[in-house]
Amino acid sequence: MMGRAHLIIGTGVSLSVLALSGYEVTPAAVAAAVVGSLLPDIDEPNSMLVSRALPTQMLRLIQLLMIGAAGWVFFTRLAPPPWNLVLALLMISASFMPSRSMRKVIIFLIGIGLAWYGESYAPWNYIAGCLLIICTLVPHRGLTHTVYGTVAWTALLYGTTRLHGDSIWLAGGMAYLLHLLADSLTNNGIKPLPPFKWKLRFKLMSTGTRKGAKVENVCVALTTVLVVIALLRYKHLI
């Protein structure tokens, strides 16, 4: 499914279920649902979540900074010749990486930073950093589209937000799971329990096709109905 459909379905359904179950829908729960609905696609550098977090304009700025840093390394002779030239050429070469590759490198470096330095602030940063590193090394619809990925994300939310109630980790975990269920509607489906080769797929659609768009619209329409029901009940309770 496309990112827009994942966002609407994952956020709408998870928050509606929370509201209908009597849980308070807080801004933090909404944020967790939004992130959770898109997070499984973090292994795809051009996905909606990653491209919004690392927009093209930011990548261009990073490229310019890398070229400037290469000039600084060369002219200040930070390293003795000819290594200053080698380092400068490597930095310039890296600055011309395709956007997809650069996003992966940036996510990888953020993961290293969280794992290396973040642990001193909170132990959960180490886990988050390791997960980011792994996400850059696995193929699309790999580890992030599994039961293990769902459990890891939900556990991470639970460990960091449980003192603020159950709404946050429930919303985030449910939205993540809904993303996987939505992808199971596609022809490719998902492998929820690797290394087992069993696939969960209903073969109802192919992403990016006319039929796929129709299936997405039906799912969005059903989500809208559920949201309206939840809002009406919430208004009635008030």
C-alpha atoms as a PDB file:
ATOM      1  CA  MET A   1       0.000   0.000   0.000  1.00  0.00           C
ATOM      2  CA  MET A   2       0.969   3.612  -0.469  1.00  0.00           C
ATOM      3  CA  GLY A   3       2.134   5.682   2.487  1.00  0.00           C
ATOM      4  CA  ARG A   4      -0.992   7.860   2.495  1.00  0.00           C
ATOM      5  CA  ALA A   5      -3.254   4.832   2.873  1.00  0.00           C
ATOM      6  CA  HIS A   6      -1.063   3.376   5.630  1.00  0.00           C
ATOM      7  CA  LEU A   7      -1.176   6.690   7.494  1.00  0.00           C
ATOM      8  CA  ILE A   8      -4.967   7.012   7.327  1.00  0.00           C
ATOM      9  CA  ILE A   9      -5.743   3.366   8.062  1.00  0.00           C
ATOM     10  CA  GLY A  10      -3.161   2.820  10.792  1.00  0.00           C
ATOM     11  CA  THR A  11      -3.863   6.068  12.619  1.00  0.00           C
ATOM     12  CA  GLY A  12      -7.630   6.075  12.122  1.00  0.00           C
ATOM     13  CA  VAL A  13      -8.285   2.480  13.126  1.00  0.00           C
ATOM     14  CA  SER A  14      -5.894   2.373  16.089  1.00  0.00           C
ATOM     15  CA  LEU A  15      -7.184   5.607  17.631  1.00  0.00           C
ATOM     16  CA  SER A  16     -10.800   4.627  16.993  1.00  0.00           C
ATOM     17  CA  VAL A  17     -10.304   1.272  18.712  1.00  0.00           C
ATOM     18  CA  LEU A  18      -8.685   3.048  21.658  1.00  0.00           C
ATOM     19  CA  ALA A  19     -11.583   5.481  21.942  1.00  0.00           C
ATOM     20  CA  LEU A  20     -14.212   2.744  21.631  1.00  0.00           C
ATOM     21  CA  SER A  21     -12.369   0.719  24.285  1.00  0.00           C
ATOM     22  CA  GLY A  22     -12.500   3.582  26.766  1.00  0.00           C
ATOM     23  CA  TYR A  23      -8.870   4.708  26.562  1.00  0.00           C
ATOM     24  CA  GLU A  24      -7.986   8.388  26.486  1.00  0.00           C
ATOM     25  CA  VAL A  25      -6.779   9.548  23.078  1.00  0.00           C
ATOM     26  CA  THR A  26      -3.959  11.942  23.958  1.00  0.00           C
ATOM     27  CA  PRO A  27      -1.746  13.970  21.590  1.00  0.00           C
ATOM     28  CA  ALA A  28       1.117  11.605  22.453  1.00  0.00           C
ATOM     29  CA  ALA A  29      -1.034   8.618  21.475  1.00  0.00           C
ATOM     30  CA  VAL A  30      -1.868  10.306  18.172  1.00  0.00           C
ATOM     31  CA  ALA A  31       1.835  10.916  17.502  1.00  0.00           C
ATOM     32  CA  ALA A  32       2.677   7.293  18.342  1.00  0.00           C
ATOM     33  CA  ALA A  33      -0.061   6.079  15.991  1.00  0.00           C
ATOM     34  CA  VAL A  34       1.160   8.303  13.147  1.00  0.00           C
ATOM     35  CA  VAL A  35       4.745   7.101  13.513  1.00  0.00           C
ATOM     36  CA  GLY A  36       3.706   3.480  14.018  1.00  0.00           C
ATOM     37  CA  SER A  37       1.532   3.503  10.904  1.00  0.00           C
ATOM     38  CA  LEU A  38       4.542   4.428   8.742  1.00  0.00           C
ATOM     39  CA  LEU A  39       7.470   2.967  10.689  1.00  0.00           C
ATOM     40  CA  PRO A  40       7.604  -0.496   9.034  1.00  0.00           C
ATOM     41  CA  ASP A  41       8.635   1.231   5.801  1.00  0.00           C
ATOM     42  CA  ILE A  42      11.714   2.784   7.423  1.00  0.00           C
ATOM     43  CA  ASP A  43      13.684   0.101   5.550  1.00  0.00           C
ATOM     44  CA  GLU A  44      12.682   1.876   2.323  1.00  0.00           C
ATOM     45  CA  PRO A  45      14.687   5.151   1.988  1.00  0.00           C
ATOM     46  CA  ASN A  46      12.091   6.713  -0.337  1.00  0.00           C
ATOM     47  CA  SER A  47       9.122   5.861   1.874  1.00  0.00           C
ATOM     48  CA  MET A  48       6.776   8.556   3.159  1.00  0.00           C
ATOM     49  CA  LEU A  49       8.252   8.545   6.670  1.00  0.00           C
ATOM     50  CA  VAL A  50      11.916   8.662   5.666  1.00  0.00           C
ATOM     51  CA  SER A  51      11.449  11.160   2.825  1.00  0.00           C
ATOM     52  CA  ARG A  52       9.581  13.520   5.181  1.00  0.00           C
ATOM     53  CA  ALA A  53      12.138  13.142   7.958  1.00  0.00           C
ATOM     54  CA  LEU A  54      15.032  13.589   5.508  1.00  0.00           C
ATOM     55  CA  PRO A  55      13.638  15.771   2.700  1.00  0.00           C
ATOM     56  CA  THR A  56      15.521  16.397  -0.519  1.00  0.00           C
ATOM     57  CA  GLN A  57      16.372  19.969   0.525  1.00  0.00           C
ATOM     58  CA  MET A  58      18.118  18.658   3.632  1.00  0.00           C
ATOM     59  CA  LEU A  59      20.087  16.167   1.559  1.00  0.00           C
ATOM     60  CA  ARG A  60      21.231  18.945  -0.772  1.00  0.00           C
ATOM     61  CA  LEU A  61      22.390  20.994   2.226  1.00  0.00           C
ATOM     62  CA  ILE A  62      24.309  18.000   3.585  1.00  0.00           C
ATOM     63  CA  GLN A  63      25.939  17.522   0.176  1.00  0.00           C
ATOM     64  CA  LEU A  64      27.084  21.159   0.113  1.00  0.00           C
ATOM     65  CA  LEU A  65      28.435  20.868   3.651  1.00  0.00           C
ATOM     66  CA  MET A  66      30.357  17.729   2.689  1.00  0.00           C
ATOM     67  CA  ILE A  67      31.921  19.489  -0.305  1.00  0.00           C
ATOM     68  CA  GLY A  68      32.860  22.435   1.913  1.00  0.00           C
ATOM     69  CA  ALA A  69      34.306  20.080   4.525  1.00  0.00           C
ATOM     70  CA  ALA A  70      36.330  18.351   1.799  1.00  0.00           C
ATOM     71  CA  GLY A  71      37.853  21.695   0.812  1.00  0.00           C
ATOM     72  CA  TRP A  72      38.634  22.462   4.441  1.00  0.00           C
ATOM     73  CA  VAL A  73      40.314  19.063   4.932  1.00  0.00           C
ATOM     74  CA  PHE A  74      42.403  19.573   1.795  1.00  0.00           C
ATOM     75  CA  PHE A  75      43.538  23.166   2.289  1.00  0.00           C
ATOM     76  CA  THR A  76      44.136  23.013   6.056  1.00  0.00           C
ATOM     77  CA  ARG A  77      46.047  19.760   5.628  1.00  0.00           C
ATOM     78  CA  LEU A  78      44.239  18.141   8.518  1.00  0.00           C
ATOM     79  CA  ALA A  79      45.976  14.966   7.368  1.00  0.00           C
ATOM     80  CA  PRO A  80      49.497  14.930   5.890  1.00  0.00           C
ATOM     81  CA  PRO A  81      49.797  14.837   2.078  1.00  0.00           C
ATOM     82  CA  PRO A  82      48.722  12.914   0.109  1.00  0.00           C
ATOM     83  CA  TRP A  83      46.109  11.710   2.615  1.00  0.00           C
ATOM     84  CA  ASN A  84      44.458  15.121   2.772  1.00  0.00           C
ATOM     85  CA  LEU A  85      43.754  14.800  -0.959  1.00  0.00           C
ATOM     86  CA  VAL A  86      42.485  11.224  -0.550  1.00  0.00           C
ATOM     87  CA  LEU A  87      40.131  12.214   2.269  1.00  0.00           C
ATOM     88  CA  ALA A  88      38.878  15.223   0.330  1.00  0.00           C
ATOM     89  CA  LEU A  89      38.169  13.124  -2.769  1.00  0.00           C
ATOM     90  CA  LEU A  90      36.344  10.510  -0.689  1.00  0.00           C
ATOM     91  CA  MET A  91      34.141  13.174   0.898  1.00  0.00           C
ATOM     92  CA  ILE A  92      33.360  14.738  -2.477  1.00  0.00           C
ATOM     93  CA  SER A  93      32.532  11.319  -3.935  1.00  0.00           C
ATOM     94  CA  ALA A  94      30.225  10.563  -1.001  1.00  0.00           C
ATOM     95  CA  SER A  95      28.419  13.874  -1.498  1.00  0.00           C
ATOM     96  CA  PHE A  96      27.265  12.727  -4.949  1.00  0.00           C
ATOM     97  CA  MET A  97      25.540   9.591  -3.683  1.00  0.00           C
ATOM     98  CA  PRO A  98      21.932   9.113  -4.870  1.00  0.00           C
ATOM     99  CA  SER A  99      19.280  10.377  -2.454  1.00  0.00           C
ATOM    100  CA  ARG A 100      18.201   6.826  -1.633  1.00  0.00           C
ATOM    101  CA  SER A 101      21.724   5.770  -0.622  1.00  0.00           C
ATOM    102  CA  MET A 102      22.382   8.972   1.307  1.00  0.00           C
ATOM    103  CA  ARG A 103      19.218   8.536   3.366  1.00  0.00           C
ATOM    104  CA  LYS A 104      20.356   5.026   4.274  1.00  0.00           C
ATOM    105  CA  VAL A 105      23.779   6.295   5.324  1.00  0.00           C
ATOM    106  CA  ILE A 106      22.264   9.069   7.451  1.00  0.00           C
ATOM    107  CA  ILE A 107      19.883   6.646   9.185  1.00  0.00           C
ATOM    108  CA  PHE A 108      22.822   4.299   9.794  1.00  0.00           C
ATOM    109  CA  LEU A 109      24.869   7.122  11.348  1.00  0.00           C
ATOM    110  CA  ILE A 110      21.932   8.229  13.508  1.00  0.00           C
ATOM    111  CA  GLY A 111      21.613   4.646  14.706  1.00  0.00           C
ATOM    112  CA  ILE A 112      25.301   4.526  15.606  1.00  0.00           C
ATOM    113  CA  GLY A 113      24.964   7.835  17.448  1.00  0.00           C
ATOM    114  CA  LEU A 114      21.991   6.614  19.480  1.00  0.00           C
ATOM    115  CA  ALA A 115      23.626   3.291  20.274  1.00  0.00           C
ATOM    116  CA  TRP A 116      27.012   4.803  21.156  1.00  0.00           C
ATOM    117  CA  TYR A 117      26.116   8.048  22.915  1.00  0.00           C
ATOM    118  CA  GLY A 118      22.399   7.819  23.668  1.00  0.00           C
ATOM    119  CA  GLU A 119      22.693   4.965  26.142  1.00  0.00           C
ATOM    120  CA  SER A 120      24.212   7.308  28.709  1.00  0.00           C
ATOM    121  CA  TYR A 121      20.943   9.296  28.704  1.00  0.00           C
ATOM    122  CA  ALA A 122      18.494   6.385  28.504  1.00  0.00           C
ATOM    123  CA  PRO A 123      19.127   2.668  27.924  1.00  0.00           C
ATOM    124  CA  TRP A 124      16.280   2.513  25.408  1.00  0.00           C
ATOM    125  CA  ASN A 125      18.317   4.700  23.056  1.00  0.00           C
ATOM    126  CA  TYR A 126      20.723   1.794  22.602  1.00  0.00           C
ATOM    127  CA  ILE A 127      17.897  -0.464  21.447  1.00  0.00           C
ATOM    128  CA  ALA A 128      16.491   2.223  19.133  1.00  0.00           C
ATOM    129  CA  GLY A 129      19.932   2.831  17.651  1.00  0.00           C
ATOM    130  CA  CYS A 130      20.509  -0.864  17.006  1.00  0.00           C
ATOM    131  CA  LEU A 131      17.108  -1.148  15.332  1.00  0.00           C
ATOM    132  CA  LEU A 132      17.918   1.779  13.027  1.00  0.00           C
ATOM    133  CA  ILE A 133      21.230   0.192  12.061  1.00  0.00           C
ATOM    134  CA  ILE A 134      19.537  -3.122  11.301  1.00  0.00           C
ATOM    135  CA  CYS A 135      16.843  -1.396   9.230  1.00  0.00           C
ATOM    136  CA  THR A 136      19.457   0.006   6.857  1.00  0.00           C
ATOM    137  CA  LEU A 137      20.920  -3.446   6.246  1.00  0.00           C
ATOM    138  CA  VAL A 138      17.777  -5.485   5.570  1.00  0.00           C
ATOM    139  CA  PRO A 139      15.711  -5.504   2.344  1.00  0.00           C
ATOM    140  CA  HIS A 140      12.325  -3.824   2.051  1.00  0.00           C
ATOM    141  CA  ARG A 141       9.533  -5.763   3.751  1.00  0.00           C
ATOM    142  CA  GLY A 142      12.158  -7.662   5.644  1.00  0.00           C
ATOM    143  CA  LEU A 143      12.622  -7.608   9.406  1.00  0.00           C
ATOM    144  CA  THR A 144      10.448  -4.522   9.913  1.00  0.00           C
ATOM    145  CA  HIS A 145       7.477  -6.345   8.367  1.00  0.00           C
ATOM    146  CA  THR A 146       7.507  -9.204  10.860  1.00  0.00           C
ATOM    147  CA  VAL A 147       6.021 -10.116  14.208  1.00  0.00           C
ATOM    148  CA  TYR A 148       9.482  -9.500  15.672  1.00  0.00           C
ATOM    149  CA  GLY A 149       9.480  -5.920  14.418  1.00  0.00           C
ATOM    150  CA  THR A 150       6.016  -5.354  15.855  1.00  0.00           C
ATOM    151  CA  VAL A 151       7.032  -6.734  19.250  1.00  0.00           C
ATOM    152  CA  ALA A 152      10.260  -4.695  19.297  1.00  0.00           C
ATOM    153  CA  TRP A 153       8.470  -1.414  18.497  1.00  0.00           C
ATOM    154  CA  THR A 154       5.665  -2.073  20.983  1.00  0.00           C
ATOM    155  CA  ALA A 155       8.134  -3.066  23.708  1.00  0.00           C
ATOM    156  CA  LEU A 156      10.203   0.050  23.036  1.00  0.00           C
ATOM    157  CA  LEU A 157       7.102   2.226  23.406  1.00  0.00           C
ATOM    158  CA  TYR A 158       5.963   0.357  26.505  1.00  0.00           C
ATOM    159  CA  GLY A 159       9.336   0.675  28.200  1.00  0.00           C
ATOM    160  CA  THR A 160       9.611   4.404  27.540  1.00  0.00           C
ATOM    161  CA  THR A 161       5.989   5.556  27.983  1.00  0.00           C
ATOM    162  CA  ARG A 162       4.240   3.159  30.383  1.00  0.00           C
ATOM    163  CA  LEU A 163       4.427   5.712  33.210  1.00  0.00           C
ATOM    164  CA  HIS A 164       2.186   7.989  31.131  1.00  0.00           C
ATOM    165  CA  GLY A 165      -0.580   5.422  30.711  1.00  0.00           C
ATOM    166  CA  ASP A 166      -1.356   2.697  28.210  1.00  0.00           C
ATOM    167  CA  SER A 167      -2.715   4.801  25.349  1.00  0.00           C
ATOM    168  CA  ILE A 168       0.653   5.615  23.784  1.00  0.00           C
ATOM    169  CA  TRP A 169       2.135   2.133  23.448  1.00  0.00           C
ATOM    170  CA  LEU A 170      -1.213   0.595  22.518  1.00  0.00           C
ATOM    171  CA  ALA A 171      -1.785   3.164  19.751  1.00  0.00           C
ATOM    172  CA  GLY A 172       1.739   2.848  18.376  1.00  0.00           C
ATOM    173  CA  GLY A 173       1.806  -0.946  18.512  1.00  0.00           C
ATOM    174  CA  MET A 174      -1.641  -1.296  16.973  1.00  0.00           C
ATOM    175  CA  ALA A 175      -0.836   1.132  14.136  1.00  0.00           C
ATOM    176  CA  TYR A 176       2.364  -0.797  13.381  1.00  0.00           C
ATOM    177  CA  LEU A 177       0.475  -4.097  13.253  1.00  0.00           C
ATOM    178  CA  LEU A 178      -2.187  -2.572  10.996  1.00  0.00           C
ATOM    179  CA  HIS A 179       0.536  -1.564   8.542  1.00  0.00           C
ATOM    180  CA  LEU A 180       1.587  -5.205   8.283  1.00  0.00           C
ATOM    181  CA  LEU A 181      -1.997  -6.401   7.875  1.00  0.00           C
ATOM    182  CA  ALA A 182      -2.553  -3.828   5.130  1.00  0.00           C
ATOM    183  CA  ASP A 183       0.547  -5.024   3.291  1.00  0.00           C
ATOM    184  CA  SER A 184      -0.721  -8.592   3.554  1.00  0.00           C
ATOM    185  CA  LEU A 185      -3.505  -7.597   1.146  1.00  0.00           C
ATOM    186  CA  THR A 186      -0.940  -7.178  -1.647  1.00  0.00           C
ATOM    187  CA  ASN A 187       0.214  -9.840  -4.082  1.00  0.00           C
ATOM    188  CA  ASN A 188       3.667  -9.977  -2.482  1.00  0.00           C
ATOM    189  CA  GLY A 189       2.360 -10.109   1.065  1.00  0.00           C
ATOM    190  CA  ILE A 190       4.698 -10.344   4.053  1.00  0.00           C
ATOM    191  CA  LYS A 191       6.766 -13.009   5.814  1.00  0.00           C
ATOM    192  CA  PRO A 192       5.685 -12.477   9.436  1.00  0.00           C
ATOM    193  CA  LEU A 193       7.829 -15.187  11.034  1.00  0.00           C
ATOM    194  CA  PRO A 194      11.222 -15.567   9.346  1.00  0.00           C
ATOM    195  CA  PRO A 195      13.168 -17.784   8.868  1.00  0.00           C
ATOM    196  CA  PHE A 196       9.936 -19.641   8.101  1.00  0.00           C
ATOM    197  CA  LYS A 197       9.057 -19.072   4.447  1.00  0.00           C
ATOM    198  CA  TRP A 198       5.300 -18.906   5.044  1.00  0.00           C
ATOM    199  CA  LYS A 199       3.756 -15.740   3.626  1.00  0.00           C
ATOM    200  CA  LEU A 200       0.670 -13.905   4.793  1.00  0.00           C
ATOM    201  CA  ARG A 201      -0.928 -12.589   1.619  1.00  0.00           C
ATOM    202  CA  PHE A 202      -4.459 -12.245   0.301  1.00  0.00           C
ATOM    203  CA  LYS A 203      -3.527 -11.189  -3.252  1.00  0.00           C
ATOM    204  CA  LEU A 204      -6.204  -8.502  -3.450  1.00  0.00           C
ATOM    205  CA  MET A 205      -4.057  -5.768  -4.957  1.00  0.00           C
ATOM    206  CA  SER A 206      -0.728  -4.585  -6.300  1.00  0.00           C
ATOM    207  CA  THR A 207       0.635  -1.265  -5.027  1.00  0.00           C
ATOM    208  CA  GLY A 208       0.606   1.534  -7.591  1.00  0.00           C
ATOM    209  CA  THR A 209      -2.001  -0.034  -9.890  1.00  0.00           C
ATOM    210  CA  ARG A 210      -5.579   1.032 -10.601  1.00  0.00           C
ATOM    211  CA  LYS A 211      -6.947  -2.012  -8.803  1.00  0.00           C
ATOM    212  CA  GLY A 212      -4.629  -1.315  -5.902  1.00  0.00           C
ATOM    213  CA  ALA A 213      -5.923   2.247  -5.657  1.00  0.00           C
ATOM    214  CA  LYS A 214      -9.509   0.945  -5.527  1.00  0.00           C
ATOM    215  CA  VAL A 215      -8.703  -1.457  -2.696  1.00  0.00           C
ATOM    216  CA  GLU A 216      -6.922   1.330  -0.816  1.00  0.00           C
ATOM    217  CA  ASN A 217      -9.942   3.626  -1.266  1.00  0.00           C
ATOM    218  CA  VAL A 218     -12.268   0.948   0.111  1.00  0.00           C
ATOM    219  CA  CYS A 219     -10.022   0.484   3.155  1.00  0.00           C
ATOM    220  CA  VAL A 220      -9.843   4.252   3.691  1.00  0.00           C
ATOM    221  CA  ALA A 221     -13.648   4.508   3.408  1.00  0.00           C
ATOM    222  CA  LEU A 222     -14.141   1.754   6.001  1.00  0.00           C
ATOM    223  CA  THR A 223     -11.635   3.504   8.253  1.00  0.00           C
ATOM    224  CA  THR A 224     -13.588   6.750   7.898  1.00  0.00           C
ATOM    225  CA  VAL A 225     -16.797   4.989   8.961  1.00  0.00           C
ATOM    226  CA  LEU A 226     -15.060   3.587  12.040  1.00  0.00           C
ATOM    227  CA  VAL A 227     -13.642   7.023  12.916  1.00  0.00           C
ATOM    228  CA  VAL A 228     -17.110   8.605  12.642  1.00  0.00           C
ATOM    229  CA  ILE A 229     -18.576   5.912  14.907  1.00  0.00           C
ATOM    230  CA  ALA A 230     -15.813   6.504  17.454  1.00  0.00           C
ATOM    231  CA  LEU A 231     -16.313  10.279  17.328  1.00  0.00           C
ATOM    232  CA  LEU A 232     -20.079   9.964  17.770  1.00  0.00           C
ATOM    233  CA  ARG A 233     -19.661   7.683  20.759  1.00  0.00           C
ATOM    234  CA  TYR A 234     -17.010   9.968  22.250  1.00  0.00           C
ATOM    235  CA  LYS A 235     -19.330  12.964  21.810  1.00  0.00           C
ATOM    236  CA  HIS A 236     -22.157  10.999  23.413  1.00  0.00           C
ATOM    237  CA  LEU A 237     -19.989  10.144  26.411  1.00  0.00           C
ATOM    238  CA  ILE A 238     -19.062  13.809  26.834  1.00  0.00           C
END
